[in-house]
Amino acid sequence: MPRVASDDHPEEAPSGSGRRRRPQLLWLVVPYVLYLGALPLVNRVQPVVLGLPFLFVWLLGATLLTPVAVWLTWRGDHRR
């Protein structure tokens, strides 16, 4: 008897390559790019933002955006 895909087991859905596409996982690339990809571009003391070096403000912003990216990934994956 062939298996039929159901809402309970979306990973068993038939597809051409046998793998699910999960584009919502791209949100997890955002913190990586903010921390490492852009680091050579923002590694400077000037300008000073709120009395803090720009690099510190950049890393603080990346730290605050990381949970948002994880939540967006979870929400997109949870809907499936």
C-alpha atoms as a PDB file:
ATOM      1  CA  MET A   1       0.000   0.000   0.000  1.00  0.00           C
ATOM      2  CA  PRO A   2       1.555   3.359  -1.022  1.00  0.00           C
ATOM      3  CA  ARG A   3       2.052   6.014   1.608  1.00  0.00           C
ATOM      4  CA  VAL A   4      -0.049   9.124   1.287  1.00  0.00           C
ATOM      5  CA  ALA A   5       1.215  12.485   2.479  1.00  0.00           C
ATOM      6  CA  SER A   6      -0.788  14.017   5.284  1.00  0.00           C
ATOM      7  CA  ASP A   7      -0.775  17.245   7.226  1.00  0.00           C
ATOM      8  CA  ASP A   8       0.689  15.384  10.209  1.00  0.00           C
ATOM      9  CA  HIS A   9       3.816  14.329   8.294  1.00  0.00           C
ATOM     10  CA  PRO A  10       4.681  16.992   5.702  1.00  0.00           C
ATOM     11  CA  GLU A  11       8.205  15.638   5.338  1.00  0.00           C
ATOM     12  CA  GLU A  12       6.758  12.552   3.672  1.00  0.00           C
ATOM     13  CA  ALA A  13       5.129  14.546   0.903  1.00  0.00           C
ATOM     14  CA  PRO A  14       6.182  13.296  -2.532  1.00  0.00           C
ATOM     15  CA  SER A  15       8.405  15.640  -4.465  1.00  0.00           C
ATOM     16  CA  GLY A  16      10.774  15.492  -7.384  1.00  0.00           C
ATOM     17  CA  SER A  17      13.990  15.430  -5.390  1.00  0.00           C
ATOM     18  CA  GLY A  18      12.601  13.747  -2.271  1.00  0.00           C
ATOM     19  CA  ARG A  19      13.508  16.777  -0.138  1.00  0.00           C
ATOM     20  CA  ARG A  20      11.382  19.574   1.245  1.00  0.00           C
ATOM     21  CA  ARG A  21      12.161  23.106   0.291  1.00  0.00           C
ATOM     22  CA  ARG A  22      12.477  25.267   3.378  1.00  0.00           C
ATOM     23  CA  PRO A  23      13.238  28.845   2.249  1.00  0.00           C
ATOM     24  CA  GLN A  24      12.424  30.178   5.720  1.00  0.00           C
ATOM     25  CA  LEU A  25      15.784  28.789   6.860  1.00  0.00           C
ATOM     26  CA  LEU A  26      17.432  31.631   4.936  1.00  0.00           C
ATOM     27  CA  TRP A  27      16.519  33.883   7.883  1.00  0.00           C
ATOM     28  CA  LEU A  28      19.285  32.111   9.805  1.00  0.00           C
ATOM     29  CA  VAL A  29      21.828  33.513   7.344  1.00  0.00           C
ATOM     30  CA  VAL A  30      21.026  37.062   8.488  1.00  0.00           C
ATOM     31  CA  PRO A  31      22.894  36.867  11.836  1.00  0.00           C
ATOM     32  CA  TYR A  32      25.857  35.212  10.118  1.00  0.00           C
ATOM     33  CA  VAL A  33      26.083  38.028   7.586  1.00  0.00           C
ATOM     34  CA  LEU A  34      25.646  40.681  10.271  1.00  0.00           C
ATOM     35  CA  TYR A  35      28.360  39.225  12.501  1.00  0.00           C
ATOM     36  CA  LEU A  36      30.951  37.979  10.039  1.00  0.00           C
ATOM     37  CA  GLY A  37      30.098  39.115   6.532  1.00  0.00           C
ATOM     38  CA  ALA A  38      29.825  42.805   7.317  1.00  0.00           C
ATOM     39  CA  LEU A  39      32.484  42.906  10.023  1.00  0.00           C
ATOM     40  CA  PRO A  40      35.316  44.166   7.767  1.00  0.00           C
ATOM     41  CA  LEU A  41      33.033  46.969   6.586  1.00  0.00           C
ATOM     42  CA  VAL A  42      32.056  48.223  10.039  1.00  0.00           C
ATOM     43  CA  ASN A  43      35.313  47.720  11.927  1.00  0.00           C
ATOM     44  CA  ARG A  44      35.937  51.354  12.797  1.00  0.00           C
ATOM     45  CA  VAL A  45      35.626  53.649  15.760  1.00  0.00           C
ATOM     46  CA  GLN A  46      34.139  56.615  13.913  1.00  0.00           C
ATOM     47  CA  PRO A  47      31.286  57.474  13.731  1.00  0.00           C
ATOM     48  CA  VAL A  48      30.348  57.430  17.367  1.00  0.00           C
ATOM     49  CA  VAL A  49      26.700  56.523  17.996  1.00  0.00           C
ATOM     50  CA  LEU A  50      25.259  57.504  21.390  1.00  0.00           C
ATOM     51  CA  GLY A  51      28.817  57.770  22.719  1.00  0.00           C
ATOM     52  CA  LEU A  52      29.681  54.214  21.641  1.00  0.00           C
ATOM     53  CA  PRO A  53      32.022  53.115  18.860  1.00  0.00           C
ATOM     54  CA  PHE A  54      30.238  52.118  15.666  1.00  0.00           C
ATOM     55  CA  LEU A  55      31.478  48.514  15.842  1.00  0.00           C
ATOM     56  CA  PHE A  56      29.945  48.085  19.293  1.00  0.00           C
ATOM     57  CA  VAL A  57      26.601  49.483  18.130  1.00  0.00           C
ATOM     58  CA  TRP A  58      26.699  47.197  15.066  1.00  0.00           C
ATOM     59  CA  LEU A  59      27.335  44.095  17.180  1.00  0.00           C
ATOM     60  CA  LEU A  60      24.641  45.114  19.648  1.00  0.00           C
ATOM     61  CA  GLY A  61      22.164  45.504  16.795  1.00  0.00           C
ATOM     62  CA  ALA A  62      23.155  42.119  15.354  1.00  0.00           C
ATOM     63  CA  THR A  63      22.674  40.531  18.773  1.00  0.00           C
ATOM     64  CA  LEU A  64      19.208  42.039  19.101  1.00  0.00           C
ATOM     65  CA  LEU A  65      18.208  40.959  15.571  1.00  0.00           C
ATOM     66  CA  THR A  66      19.334  37.332  16.010  1.00  0.00           C
ATOM     67  CA  PRO A  67      16.292  36.248  18.066  1.00  0.00           C
ATOM     68  CA  VAL A  68      14.048  37.973  15.513  1.00  0.00           C
ATOM     69  CA  ALA A  69      15.642  35.934  12.707  1.00  0.00           C
ATOM     70  CA  VAL A  70      15.253  32.728  14.716  1.00  0.00           C
ATOM     71  CA  TRP A  71      11.603  33.557  15.434  1.00  0.00           C
ATOM     72  CA  LEU A  72      10.897  34.273  11.753  1.00  0.00           C
ATOM     73  CA  THR A  73      12.470  30.926  10.868  1.00  0.00           C
ATOM     74  CA  TRP A  74      10.400  29.111  13.474  1.00  0.00           C
ATOM     75  CA  ARG A  75       7.210  30.839  12.391  1.00  0.00           C
ATOM     76  CA  GLY A  76       7.787  29.989   8.736  1.00  0.00           C
ATOM     77  CA  ASP A  77       8.613  26.374   9.538  1.00  0.00           C
ATOM     78  CA  HIS A  78       5.755  26.039  12.037  1.00  0.00           C
ATOM     79  CA  ARG A  79       3.172  27.076   9.427  1.00  0.00           C
ATOM     80  CA  ARG A  80       4.066  24.075   7.277  1.00  0.00           C
END
